[in-house]
Amino acid sequence: MEQLTRLALVGTANAPVDAASLPAITALLPEGSREQRLLWAAGADALYRQAGQRAATVMPASPAPAETRRPLPAALRPVVAELLSGRLEELQPWASTHLAECGYVLPPESLLTVLAFNHKAQRAAWLPLLGERGRWLAAQNPDWQWVLQAAPAPADAAELEQQWQEGTPAARKTALTAQRQRDPALARDWLAAALPQEKAEQRQALSEVLADGLSSDDEALLNQLLGDRSQGVRQQAAGLLAQLPASALAARVRERVAACVQWQVPDAPQGTVAKVGAWLSGKRAVPALSINPPNELPKDWERDGILAQPPHGTGARSWWLAQLLGLLPPDAWTAPAGLTPAELLPLLKKQEWDDALLDGVARAAVRFGAADWAAALLAQPALLYRDPALADALWQTLGDEQRGSLISNLLQADNLDALERLLGSRPAPWPATWSPLLLQTLRRLDFLKLPTKRLSPALELLGMAARHAAAGDIPAVVQVIENEIGQLAGHTEWQYQQLRSRAERLVALARTRHTLLQETAQ
């Protein structure tokens, strides 16, 4: 066979002698050109060698463990199959979470579909529903290892340490996270020993774990990370140190902000007449703000995680100021003004450095969980358009009452576009008070009279109601959507036909969700 391969590589035109094959094969070859006989000989020789091979001995796989989750009701199997096929895909996140919370497992015929998913969000959503059989199948195919890598950390201490020492990057982070919850000091020791050998991306991923149960005991390690070669690691360490009020970095940040931002608060009225006059007029003395960021970025600022290079379109000094303010609780530097966040925001907007001030307080509100500032910032719809990711992070700091108040205010202002952006990524189900408020507003709308730019957000809000409304509100949602379909029925213009098609899809989505809720309730 080697001679045949060599001849094929060299070419028959460059070799005067044919390659030798097995005599029995050569004798059976038909007449033909040298090239034909070479190919016939190679094929016959390969078949001859395969026919003589003995089958390898393979140990059968052990059977899958017994299933611990409940089987999916028969009535829901076609519904789940439709969801997994990609139809009504916007319902997948809610449906998978709901079925997992109910303790169900996917039927065997659906497992291969989920195992073949490539999208990270889809994998995470359906992973809990794979059950024991799904994990057993994943162990049989290297392409499905993502299931095993996402497995929870082992309970046994020795196995946990082995996973930390030998696991994949994702499995090692899982092990470190589990150890951080069990023994923070030991987890910190693991991390300190491992970081010098890790690449920058993994150093940043692993050091994130320190945010869980952050304490002053972590300051020494985080101070070491301020000297890391990776900019991302330094930024992350600075953000965590800023959350430790007694840390040296937090003290440095307070000093720097005090040097850059000063309030001039007017003197209070003196004397009874002046006080009464001020009270009667209803006017309050407005504090003035003096802002002076450094002209050059100090080296110690850069070491503390402040990035030197601003994004395109942002001034360097403004960029440095925004990052600095993001490391300090907003009340720590706005308290001298004596105003609430809602009263301060208009004042900040009037400043020359307004973008830096607003960006800084927004990021600080997220970092330090300042819900009053988050509510005041989200009441400004412009933030929803400028930075949706930051708006989403601010939303996470709010309590249910503050969220409900914000939604009610936007509905009263008939600001459907801002409302659609705000609610777009909210999980289901919504609190019980939200759906009636939204439906009350949507019932007032006449889709045929809405300007074109308002049609899309109004229809998207109907879709959100179908995906997120409480079970008892779904029939009302369907009724509102069907009423709109009825209004559109007599109009043949393409834009109305398109709206009708979208509305019919929402009806199917709402009814599918209603079916899921009814069947799982039984």
Protein backbone atom coordinates (compact mmCIF):
# COMPACT_ATOMS: atom_id res chain seq x y z
CA MET A 1 0.00 0.00 0.00
CA GLU A 2 2.88 2.38 0.75
CA GLN A 3 4.25 1.92 -2.78
CA LEU A 4 0.84 2.64 -4.26
CA THR A 5 0.53 5.81 -2.18
CA ARG A 6 4.03 6.94 -3.18
CA LEU A 7 3.23 6.41 -6.87
CA ALA A 8 -0.03 8.34 -6.55
CA LEU A 9 1.82 11.28 -4.98
CA VAL A 10 4.64 11.31 -7.54
CA GLY A 11 2.33 10.70 -10.51
CA THR A 12 2.47 7.92 -13.09
CA ALA A 13 4.02 10.30 -15.63
CA ASN A 14 7.03 10.77 -13.34
CA ALA A 15 7.58 7.09 -12.43
CA PRO A 16 8.50 4.59 -15.16
CA VAL A 17 7.63 1.48 -13.08
CA ASP A 18 4.25 0.54 -11.61
CA ALA A 19 3.97 -0.01 -7.87
CA ALA A 20 3.64 -3.57 -6.72
CA SER A 21 0.39 -4.75 -5.12
CA LEU A 22 -0.68 -8.16 -3.83
CA PRO A 23 -0.33 -10.72 -6.67
CA ALA A 24 -3.89 -11.95 -6.15
CA ILE A 25 -5.22 -8.41 -6.58
CA THR A 26 -2.99 -7.61 -9.57
CA ALA A 27 -4.20 -10.73 -11.38
CA LEU A 28 -7.83 -9.66 -11.06
CA LEU A 29 -7.40 -6.08 -12.31
CA PRO A 30 -9.02 -5.41 -15.72
CA GLU A 31 -7.09 -3.92 -18.61
CA GLY A 32 -6.79 -0.17 -18.57
CA SER A 33 -4.43 2.78 -18.45
CA ARG A 34 -1.69 2.97 -15.78
CA GLU A 35 -3.71 5.58 -13.93
CA GLN A 36 -6.85 3.41 -13.91
CA ARG A 37 -4.97 0.32 -12.74
CA LEU A 38 -3.30 2.35 -9.96
CA LEU A 39 -6.67 3.53 -8.63
CA TRP A 40 -8.22 0.06 -8.90
CA ALA A 41 -5.24 -1.49 -7.09
CA ALA A 42 -5.36 1.10 -4.29
CA GLY A 43 -9.09 0.63 -3.76
CA ALA A 44 -8.90 -3.16 -3.80
CA ASP A 45 -5.92 -3.16 -1.43
CA ALA A 46 -7.70 -0.87 1.05
CA LEU A 47 -10.80 -3.09 1.00
CA TYR A 48 -8.63 -6.17 1.47
CA ARG A 49 -6.99 -4.71 4.58
CA GLN A 50 -10.32 -3.61 6.13
CA ALA A 51 -11.84 -7.03 5.57
CA GLY A 52 -9.05 -8.59 7.58
CA GLN A 53 -9.43 -6.35 10.65
CA ARG A 54 -10.90 -7.67 13.85
CA ALA A 55 -13.54 -5.66 15.62
CA ALA A 56 -12.28 -3.83 18.69
CA THR A 57 -13.59 -4.86 22.07
CA VAL A 58 -15.70 -2.05 23.54
CA MET A 59 -17.16 -2.07 27.01
CA PRO A 60 -20.85 -1.14 27.00
CA ALA A 61 -21.74 2.13 28.73
CA SER A 62 -23.31 1.86 32.13
CA PRO A 63 -27.04 2.63 32.08
CA ALA A 64 -28.33 6.11 32.87
CA PRO A 65 -29.19 6.74 36.54
CA ALA A 66 -32.83 6.73 37.57
CA GLU A 67 -34.61 9.99 36.83
CA THR A 68 -35.24 12.25 39.83
CA ARG A 69 -37.53 14.80 38.11
CA ARG A 70 -41.18 14.42 37.08
CA PRO A 71 -42.07 13.38 33.51
CA LEU A 72 -43.59 16.09 31.34
CA PRO A 73 -47.40 15.74 30.99
CA ALA A 74 -48.40 14.22 27.65
CA ALA A 75 -50.50 17.29 26.79
CA LEU A 76 -47.39 19.49 26.98
CA ARG A 77 -45.10 17.39 24.79
CA PRO A 78 -46.26 18.92 21.48
CA VAL A 79 -46.10 22.39 23.06
CA VAL A 80 -42.49 21.86 24.17
CA ALA A 81 -41.59 20.37 20.78
CA GLU A 82 -42.95 23.51 19.11
CA LEU A 83 -40.93 25.75 21.43
CA LEU A 84 -37.72 23.77 20.82
CA SER A 85 -38.24 23.95 17.06
CA GLY A 86 -37.79 27.72 17.21
CA ARG A 87 -41.42 28.75 16.81
CA LEU A 88 -42.58 31.20 19.47
CA GLU A 89 -38.93 31.50 20.51
CA GLU A 90 -39.63 34.58 22.62
CA LEU A 91 -41.56 32.32 25.00
CA GLN A 92 -38.63 29.93 25.51
CA PRO A 93 -36.94 31.73 28.46
CA TRP A 94 -40.13 31.85 30.49
CA ALA A 95 -41.34 28.36 29.53
CA SER A 96 -38.05 26.64 30.35
CA THR A 97 -37.78 28.43 33.71
CA HIS A 98 -41.39 27.65 34.60
CA LEU A 99 -41.10 23.95 33.70
CA ALA A 100 -37.83 23.65 35.64
CA GLU A 101 -39.40 25.26 38.72
CA CYS A 102 -42.24 22.73 38.46
CA GLY A 103 -39.71 19.89 38.60
CA TYR A 104 -40.27 18.48 35.12
CA VAL A 105 -37.79 16.72 32.83
CA LEU A 106 -37.82 16.78 29.03
CA PRO A 107 -39.13 13.68 27.23
CA PRO A 108 -36.42 11.48 25.63
CA GLU A 109 -37.31 12.58 22.08
CA SER A 110 -36.49 16.22 22.95
CA LEU A 111 -33.09 15.65 24.57
CA LEU A 112 -31.01 15.57 21.37
CA THR A 113 -32.49 18.88 20.24
CA VAL A 114 -31.37 20.62 23.43
CA LEU A 115 -27.97 18.91 23.48
CA ALA A 116 -27.30 20.26 19.99
CA PHE A 117 -28.01 23.89 20.97
CA ASN A 118 -25.10 26.28 20.35
CA HIS A 119 -26.53 29.46 21.84
CA LYS A 120 -25.32 30.04 25.40
CA ALA A 121 -28.63 31.48 26.64
CA GLN A 122 -30.62 28.58 25.19
CA ARG A 123 -28.30 26.06 26.81
CA ALA A 124 -28.58 27.71 30.21
CA ALA A 125 -32.38 27.94 29.93
CA TRP A 126 -33.01 24.26 29.13
CA LEU A 127 -30.14 22.70 31.09
CA PRO A 128 -32.15 21.96 34.30
CA LEU A 129 -34.70 20.04 32.21
CA LEU A 130 -32.21 17.56 30.74
CA GLY A 131 -32.41 15.35 33.81
CA GLU A 132 -30.28 12.27 34.51
CA ARG A 133 -30.75 10.78 31.03
CA GLY A 134 -29.67 14.04 29.39
CA ARG A 135 -26.49 14.23 31.50
CA TRP A 136 -25.81 10.55 30.76
CA LEU A 137 -26.13 11.21 27.02
CA ALA A 138 -23.85 14.25 27.27
CA ALA A 139 -21.08 12.05 28.70
CA GLN A 140 -21.18 9.89 25.55
CA ASN A 141 -20.38 12.71 23.10
CA PRO A 142 -17.51 15.24 23.33
CA ASP A 143 -19.67 17.83 21.53
CA TRP A 144 -22.08 17.84 24.47
CA GLN A 145 -19.52 18.45 27.23
CA TRP A 146 -21.08 21.83 27.98
CA VAL A 147 -23.71 19.98 30.01
CA LEU A 148 -21.11 18.40 32.28
CA GLN A 149 -19.14 21.62 32.62
CA ALA A 150 -22.27 23.36 33.87
CA ALA A 151 -22.88 20.76 36.57
CA PRO A 152 -23.06 22.04 40.17
CA ALA A 153 -20.00 21.86 42.38
CA PRO A 154 -19.56 18.56 44.25
CA ALA A 155 -20.50 18.49 47.92
CA ASP A 156 -17.45 16.45 48.93
CA ALA A 157 -14.49 18.65 49.94
CA ALA A 158 -11.88 16.42 48.27
CA GLU A 159 -13.85 16.27 45.01
CA LEU A 160 -14.33 20.03 45.11
CA GLU A 161 -10.59 20.62 45.45
CA GLN A 162 -9.93 18.15 42.62
CA GLN A 163 -12.36 20.07 40.39
CA TRP A 164 -10.54 23.28 41.30
CA GLN A 165 -7.15 21.78 40.46
CA GLU A 166 -8.05 19.78 37.34
CA GLY A 167 -11.33 21.12 35.91
CA THR A 168 -12.04 23.28 32.89
CA PRO A 169 -11.95 27.07 33.41
CA ALA A 170 -15.74 27.14 33.90
CA ALA A 171 -15.66 24.17 36.30
CA ARG A 172 -12.81 25.72 38.29
CA LYS A 173 -14.77 28.95 38.73
CA THR A 174 -17.78 26.91 39.87
CA ALA A 175 -15.58 25.14 42.44
CA LEU A 176 -14.06 28.42 43.65
CA THR A 177 -17.53 29.98 43.98
CA ALA A 178 -18.73 27.02 46.04
CA GLN A 179 -15.66 27.15 48.28
CA ARG A 180 -16.10 30.90 48.74
CA GLN A 181 -19.55 30.23 50.19
CA ARG A 182 -18.31 27.41 52.43
CA ASP A 183 -14.95 28.78 53.57
CA PRO A 184 -14.12 32.32 52.31
CA ALA A 185 -10.57 32.26 53.70
CA LEU A 186 -9.68 28.95 52.02
CA ALA A 187 -11.18 30.14 48.72
CA ARG A 188 -9.05 33.29 48.97
CA ASP A 189 -5.95 31.16 49.55
CA TRP A 190 -6.78 29.02 46.51
CA LEU A 191 -7.18 32.13 44.41
CA ALA A 192 -3.99 33.81 45.62
CA ALA A 193 -1.95 30.69 44.85
CA ALA A 194 -3.45 30.21 41.38
CA LEU A 195 -3.52 33.76 40.00
CA PRO A 196 0.18 34.06 39.06
CA GLN A 197 -0.16 31.06 36.71
CA GLU A 198 -3.42 32.17 35.04
CA LYS A 199 -3.95 34.14 31.85
CA ALA A 200 -5.46 37.62 32.12
CA GLU A 201 -8.97 36.58 31.11
CA GLN A 202 -9.03 33.78 33.66
CA ARG A 203 -7.53 36.00 36.38
CA GLN A 204 -10.38 38.43 35.88
CA ALA A 205 -13.01 35.68 35.80
CA LEU A 206 -11.72 34.05 38.99
CA SER A 207 -11.24 37.26 40.95
CA GLU A 208 -14.92 38.11 40.32
CA VAL A 209 -15.70 35.47 42.94
CA LEU A 210 -14.42 37.80 45.68
CA ALA A 211 -17.55 39.94 45.24
CA ASP A 212 -19.51 37.17 46.98
CA GLY A 213 -19.14 37.86 50.70
CA LEU A 214 -16.69 40.71 50.16
CA SER A 215 -15.01 41.77 53.42
CA SER A 216 -12.01 43.65 54.75
CA ASP A 217 -10.14 40.33 54.86
CA ASP A 218 -10.00 40.51 51.03
CA GLU A 219 -8.32 43.92 50.93
CA ALA A 220 -4.73 42.66 50.90
CA LEU A 221 -5.31 40.37 47.90
CA LEU A 222 -7.28 43.03 46.05
CA ASN A 223 -4.49 45.55 46.66
CA GLN A 224 -2.08 43.10 45.01
CA LEU A 225 -4.43 42.90 42.00
CA LEU A 226 -4.22 46.69 41.59
CA GLY A 227 -0.71 46.01 40.29
CA ASP A 228 -1.86 43.35 37.80
CA ARG A 229 -0.71 43.59 34.19
CA SER A 230 -4.30 43.36 32.96
CA GLN A 231 -6.34 46.54 32.83
CA GLY A 232 -9.56 44.56 33.35
CA VAL A 233 -8.21 42.93 36.50
CA ARG A 234 -7.10 46.29 37.93
CA GLN A 235 -10.51 47.83 37.24
CA GLN A 236 -12.30 44.94 38.86
CA ALA A 237 -10.09 45.06 41.95
CA ALA A 238 -10.64 48.81 42.26
CA GLY A 239 -14.40 48.38 42.02
CA LEU A 240 -14.39 45.82 44.82
CA LEU A 241 -12.06 47.83 47.04
CA ALA A 242 -14.29 50.88 46.60
CA GLN A 243 -17.10 48.86 48.20
CA LEU A 244 -15.01 48.48 51.37
CA PRO A 245 -15.49 51.88 53.08
CA ALA A 246 -12.47 51.38 55.35
CA SER A 247 -10.10 50.39 52.51
CA ALA A 248 -7.16 52.60 51.56
CA LEU A 249 -8.50 52.91 48.01
CA ALA A 250 -11.90 54.14 49.23
CA ALA A 251 -10.12 56.81 51.27
CA ARG A 252 -8.07 57.86 48.22
CA VAL A 253 -11.23 58.11 46.11
CA ARG A 254 -12.93 60.34 48.70
CA GLU A 255 -9.91 62.66 48.76
CA ARG A 256 -9.77 62.87 44.95
CA VAL A 257 -13.48 63.62 44.60
CA ALA A 258 -13.24 66.29 47.32
CA ALA A 259 -10.43 67.92 45.33
CA CYS A 260 -12.34 67.80 42.02
CA VAL A 261 -15.91 68.60 43.11
CA GLN A 262 -16.89 71.30 45.60
CA TRP A 263 -20.27 72.67 46.61
CA GLN A 264 -20.94 76.29 47.43
CA VAL A 265 -24.08 76.22 49.54
CA PRO A 266 -25.76 79.64 50.10
CA ASP A 267 -26.14 80.79 53.68
CA ALA A 268 -29.54 80.14 55.21
CA PRO A 269 -31.78 83.23 55.73
CA GLN A 270 -31.00 85.02 58.97
CA GLY A 271 -33.66 86.54 61.14
CA THR A 272 -37.37 85.87 61.47
CA VAL A 273 -38.46 88.16 58.64
CA ALA A 274 -36.02 86.65 56.14
CA LYS A 275 -37.00 83.12 57.10
CA VAL A 276 -40.71 83.83 56.80
CA GLY A 277 -40.15 85.54 53.44
CA ALA A 278 -38.23 82.59 52.11
CA TRP A 279 -40.92 80.21 53.33
CA LEU A 280 -43.72 82.26 51.76
CA SER A 281 -41.93 82.54 48.43
CA GLY A 282 -41.37 78.78 48.31
CA LYS A 283 -37.92 79.37 46.87
CA ARG A 284 -34.94 77.41 48.09
CA ALA A 285 -31.38 78.55 47.84
CA VAL A 286 -29.74 76.60 45.02
CA PRO A 287 -26.20 75.37 45.74
CA ALA A 288 -23.50 75.97 43.16
CA LEU A 289 -21.10 73.29 41.97
CA SER A 290 -17.43 73.83 41.15
CA ILE A 291 -15.78 71.06 39.12
CA ASN A 292 -12.10 70.83 38.23
CA PRO A 293 -10.76 67.43 37.11
CA PRO A 294 -6.99 67.13 36.60
CA ASN A 295 -5.52 68.16 33.25
CA GLU A 296 -3.26 65.09 33.21
CA LEU A 297 -4.14 61.68 34.58
CA PRO A 298 -2.09 61.06 37.74
CA LYS A 299 -0.22 57.76 37.75
CA ASP A 300 -1.76 56.68 41.06
CA TRP A 301 -5.24 57.18 39.57
CA GLU A 302 -4.34 54.85 36.74
CA ARG A 303 -3.04 52.25 39.19
CA ASP A 304 -6.39 52.46 40.99
CA GLY A 305 -8.27 51.34 37.89
CA ILE A 306 -8.98 54.66 36.15
CA LEU A 307 -8.59 54.12 32.39
CA ALA A 308 -6.55 56.75 30.60
CA GLN A 309 -7.95 56.44 27.08
CA PRO A 310 -11.53 57.73 26.72
CA PRO A 311 -14.08 56.26 24.30
CA HIS A 312 -14.51 57.96 20.94
CA GLY A 313 -16.32 61.26 21.32
CA THR A 314 -15.65 61.65 25.06
CA GLY A 315 -13.16 64.13 26.49
CA ALA A 316 -10.33 62.70 28.57
CA ARG A 317 -10.99 64.80 31.69
CA SER A 318 -14.71 64.03 31.55
CA TRP A 319 -13.93 60.32 31.20
CA TRP A 320 -11.61 60.32 34.23
CA LEU A 321 -14.16 62.23 36.35
CA ALA A 322 -16.99 59.81 35.46
CA GLN A 323 -14.87 56.80 36.41
CA LEU A 324 -13.81 58.43 39.68
CA LEU A 325 -17.38 59.28 40.70
CA GLY A 326 -18.39 55.71 39.86
CA LEU A 327 -16.16 54.53 42.72
CA LEU A 328 -17.90 56.59 45.41
CA PRO A 329 -21.46 56.29 46.78
CA PRO A 330 -23.43 59.23 45.29
CA ASP A 331 -24.58 60.51 48.68
CA ALA A 332 -20.96 60.73 49.83
CA TRP A 333 -20.31 63.76 47.61
CA THR A 334 -23.84 65.16 47.05
CA ALA A 335 -24.91 65.34 50.71
CA PRO A 336 -23.61 68.93 51.23
CA ALA A 337 -26.16 70.17 48.66
CA GLY A 338 -29.00 69.14 50.96
CA LEU A 339 -31.18 67.99 48.04
CA THR A 340 -32.78 64.68 47.11
CA PRO A 341 -31.58 62.78 44.03
CA ALA A 342 -34.69 63.87 42.10
CA GLU A 343 -33.94 67.51 43.00
CA LEU A 344 -30.25 67.21 42.22
CA LEU A 345 -30.51 65.68 38.75
CA PRO A 346 -31.81 68.87 37.05
CA LEU A 347 -28.97 70.78 38.70
CA LEU A 348 -26.38 68.27 37.49
CA LYS A 349 -27.77 68.48 33.95
CA LYS A 350 -27.07 72.20 33.85
CA GLN A 351 -23.37 71.75 34.57
CA GLU A 352 -20.63 71.96 31.97
CA TRP A 353 -19.58 68.44 33.03
CA ASP A 354 -23.13 67.07 32.97
CA ASP A 355 -22.36 63.86 31.03
CA ALA A 356 -19.53 62.92 33.39
CA LEU A 357 -21.61 63.68 36.49
CA LEU A 358 -24.64 61.71 35.34
CA ASP A 359 -22.60 58.76 34.09
CA GLY A 360 -20.61 58.69 37.33
CA VAL A 361 -23.62 58.75 39.65
CA ALA A 362 -25.41 56.13 37.53
CA ARG A 363 -22.52 53.68 37.75
CA ALA A 364 -22.09 54.40 41.43
CA ALA A 365 -25.81 53.81 42.02
CA VAL A 366 -25.40 50.35 40.50
CA ARG A 367 -22.18 49.55 42.36
CA PHE A 368 -23.46 50.66 45.77
CA GLY A 369 -27.13 49.76 45.36
CA ALA A 370 -28.37 53.36 45.72
CA ALA A 371 -32.04 52.71 44.89
CA ASP A 372 -33.14 56.36 45.37
CA TRP A 373 -30.61 57.48 42.77
CA ALA A 374 -31.51 54.62 40.44
CA ALA A 375 -35.21 55.57 40.57
CA ALA A 376 -34.45 59.23 39.88
CA LEU A 377 -32.17 58.35 36.93
CA LEU A 378 -34.64 55.93 35.37
CA ALA A 379 -37.33 58.59 35.52
CA GLN A 380 -35.25 60.34 32.82
CA PRO A 381 -36.19 58.44 29.61
CA ALA A 382 -33.07 59.69 27.81
CA LEU A 383 -30.96 57.21 29.81
CA LEU A 384 -32.96 54.30 28.37
CA TYR A 385 -31.87 55.29 24.86
CA ARG A 386 -28.28 56.26 25.63
CA ASP A 387 -27.22 53.20 27.59
CA PRO A 388 -29.79 50.35 27.81
CA ALA A 389 -27.35 48.06 29.65
CA LEU A 390 -26.78 50.67 32.38
CA ALA A 391 -30.54 51.27 32.63
CA ASP A 392 -31.05 47.54 33.10
CA ALA A 393 -28.44 47.46 35.88
CA LEU A 394 -30.13 50.42 37.60
CA TRP A 395 -33.47 48.63 37.40
CA GLN A 396 -32.01 45.68 39.32
CA THR A 397 -31.34 47.95 42.32
CA LEU A 398 -35.00 48.96 42.68
CA GLY A 399 -37.57 47.35 44.96
CA ASP A 400 -41.00 46.25 43.67
CA GLU A 401 -42.69 49.39 44.99
CA GLN A 402 -40.22 51.69 43.23
CA ARG A 403 -40.56 49.71 40.01
CA GLY A 404 -44.33 49.88 40.13
CA SER A 405 -44.24 53.63 40.74
CA LEU A 406 -41.86 54.15 37.81
CA ILE A 407 -44.07 52.12 35.47
CA SER A 408 -47.19 53.95 36.62
CA ASN A 409 -45.54 57.33 35.94
CA LEU A 410 -44.49 56.31 32.44
CA LEU A 411 -48.00 55.02 31.69
CA GLN A 412 -49.57 58.24 32.92
CA ALA A 413 -47.18 60.17 30.68
CA ASP A 414 -48.21 57.88 27.79
CA ASN A 415 -44.52 57.27 27.12
CA LEU A 416 -44.90 53.88 25.43
CA ASP A 417 -41.47 53.93 23.80
CA ALA A 418 -39.63 54.43 27.09
CA LEU A 419 -41.86 51.86 28.78
CA GLU A 420 -41.14 49.29 26.08
CA ARG A 421 -37.39 49.80 26.49
CA LEU A 422 -37.63 49.60 30.27
CA LEU A 423 -39.72 46.43 30.40
CA GLY A 424 -38.11 44.67 27.46
CA SER A 425 -35.80 42.39 29.46
CA ARG A 426 -37.83 41.95 32.63
CA PRO A 427 -38.36 38.38 33.78
CA ALA A 428 -41.77 36.75 34.00
CA PRO A 429 -44.11 36.79 35.71
CA TRP A 430 -44.64 40.45 36.43
CA PRO A 431 -45.96 41.59 39.80
CA ALA A 432 -49.76 41.37 39.84
CA THR A 433 -50.23 45.17 39.74
CA TRP A 434 -48.35 45.74 36.47
CA SER A 435 -50.57 43.96 33.94
CA PRO A 436 -53.83 45.78 34.84
CA LEU A 437 -52.03 49.13 34.61
CA LEU A 438 -50.59 48.30 31.22
CA LEU A 439 -53.82 46.83 29.85
CA GLN A 440 -55.77 49.87 31.01
CA THR A 441 -53.47 52.07 28.93
CA LEU A 442 -53.46 49.78 25.89
CA ARG A 443 -57.25 49.52 25.86
CA ARG A 444 -57.42 53.29 25.36
CA LEU A 445 -55.26 53.14 22.25
CA ASP A 446 -56.76 53.16 18.79
CA PHE A 447 -54.13 51.42 16.68
CA LEU A 448 -55.63 52.84 13.46
CA LYS A 449 -55.05 56.38 14.69
CA LEU A 450 -51.61 55.90 16.24
CA PRO A 451 -48.66 57.55 14.46
CA THR A 452 -46.40 55.04 12.75
CA LYS A 453 -43.56 55.55 15.25
CA ARG A 454 -45.89 54.57 18.13
CA LEU A 455 -47.33 51.44 16.54
CA SER A 456 -44.30 49.26 17.11
CA PRO A 457 -43.79 50.02 20.84
CA ALA A 458 -47.54 49.64 21.49
CA LEU A 459 -47.60 46.22 19.83
CA GLU A 460 -44.38 45.22 21.60
CA LEU A 461 -45.97 46.13 24.94
CA LEU A 462 -48.89 43.84 24.08
CA GLY A 463 -46.34 41.11 23.40
CA MET A 464 -44.68 41.71 26.76
CA ALA A 465 -48.06 41.47 28.45
CA ALA A 466 -48.65 38.13 26.70
CA ARG A 467 -45.25 36.85 27.88
CA HIS A 468 -45.23 38.26 31.40
CA ALA A 469 -48.78 38.78 32.66
CA ALA A 470 -49.96 36.74 35.61
CA ALA A 471 -52.04 33.67 34.73
CA GLY A 472 -55.33 35.34 35.62
CA ASP A 473 -54.64 38.30 33.33
CA ILE A 474 -53.82 36.33 30.16
CA PRO A 475 -57.46 36.06 28.92
CA ALA A 476 -57.75 39.86 29.23
CA VAL A 477 -54.51 40.24 27.24
CA VAL A 478 -55.86 37.98 24.50
CA GLN A 479 -59.10 39.98 24.40
CA VAL A 480 -57.23 43.28 23.95
CA ILE A 481 -55.09 41.81 21.14
CA GLU A 482 -58.09 40.27 19.37
CA ASN A 483 -59.91 43.60 19.54
CA GLU A 484 -56.98 45.18 17.72
CA ILE A 485 -57.03 42.38 15.13
CA GLY A 486 -60.71 43.12 14.58
CA GLN A 487 -59.94 46.80 13.96
CA LEU A 488 -57.31 45.87 11.39
CA ALA A 489 -59.43 43.26 9.59
CA GLY A 490 -60.96 45.60 7.02
CA HIS A 491 -57.71 47.29 6.01
CA THR A 492 -55.65 45.85 3.17
CA GLU A 493 -52.71 48.29 3.34
CA TRP A 494 -49.44 46.43 3.84
CA GLN A 495 -48.59 48.11 7.16
CA TYR A 496 -51.92 47.06 8.70
CA GLN A 497 -51.63 43.53 7.31
CA GLN A 498 -48.19 43.30 8.86
CA LEU A 499 -49.54 44.52 12.21
CA ARG A 500 -52.35 42.00 12.02
CA SER A 501 -49.89 39.18 11.36
CA ARG A 502 -47.82 40.21 14.39
CA ALA A 503 -50.94 40.48 16.55
CA GLU A 504 -52.11 36.99 15.53
CA ARG A 505 -48.73 35.64 16.53
CA LEU A 506 -49.12 37.28 19.94
CA VAL A 507 -52.49 35.58 20.41
CA ALA A 508 -50.84 32.21 19.69
CA LEU A 509 -48.07 33.05 22.14
CA ALA A 510 -50.48 34.07 24.91
CA ARG A 511 -52.63 30.97 24.45
CA THR A 512 -49.59 28.70 24.47
CA ARG A 513 -48.45 30.26 27.71
CA HIS A 514 -51.95 29.89 29.16
CA THR A 515 -51.92 26.20 28.23
CA LEU A 516 -48.58 25.71 29.94
CA LEU A 517 -49.83 27.39 33.10
CA GLN A 518 -53.06 25.39 33.19
CA GLU A 519 -51.41 22.00 32.59
CA THR A 520 -48.63 22.57 35.11
CA ALA A 521 -51.14 23.79 37.71
CA GLN A 522 -52.84 20.39 37.53
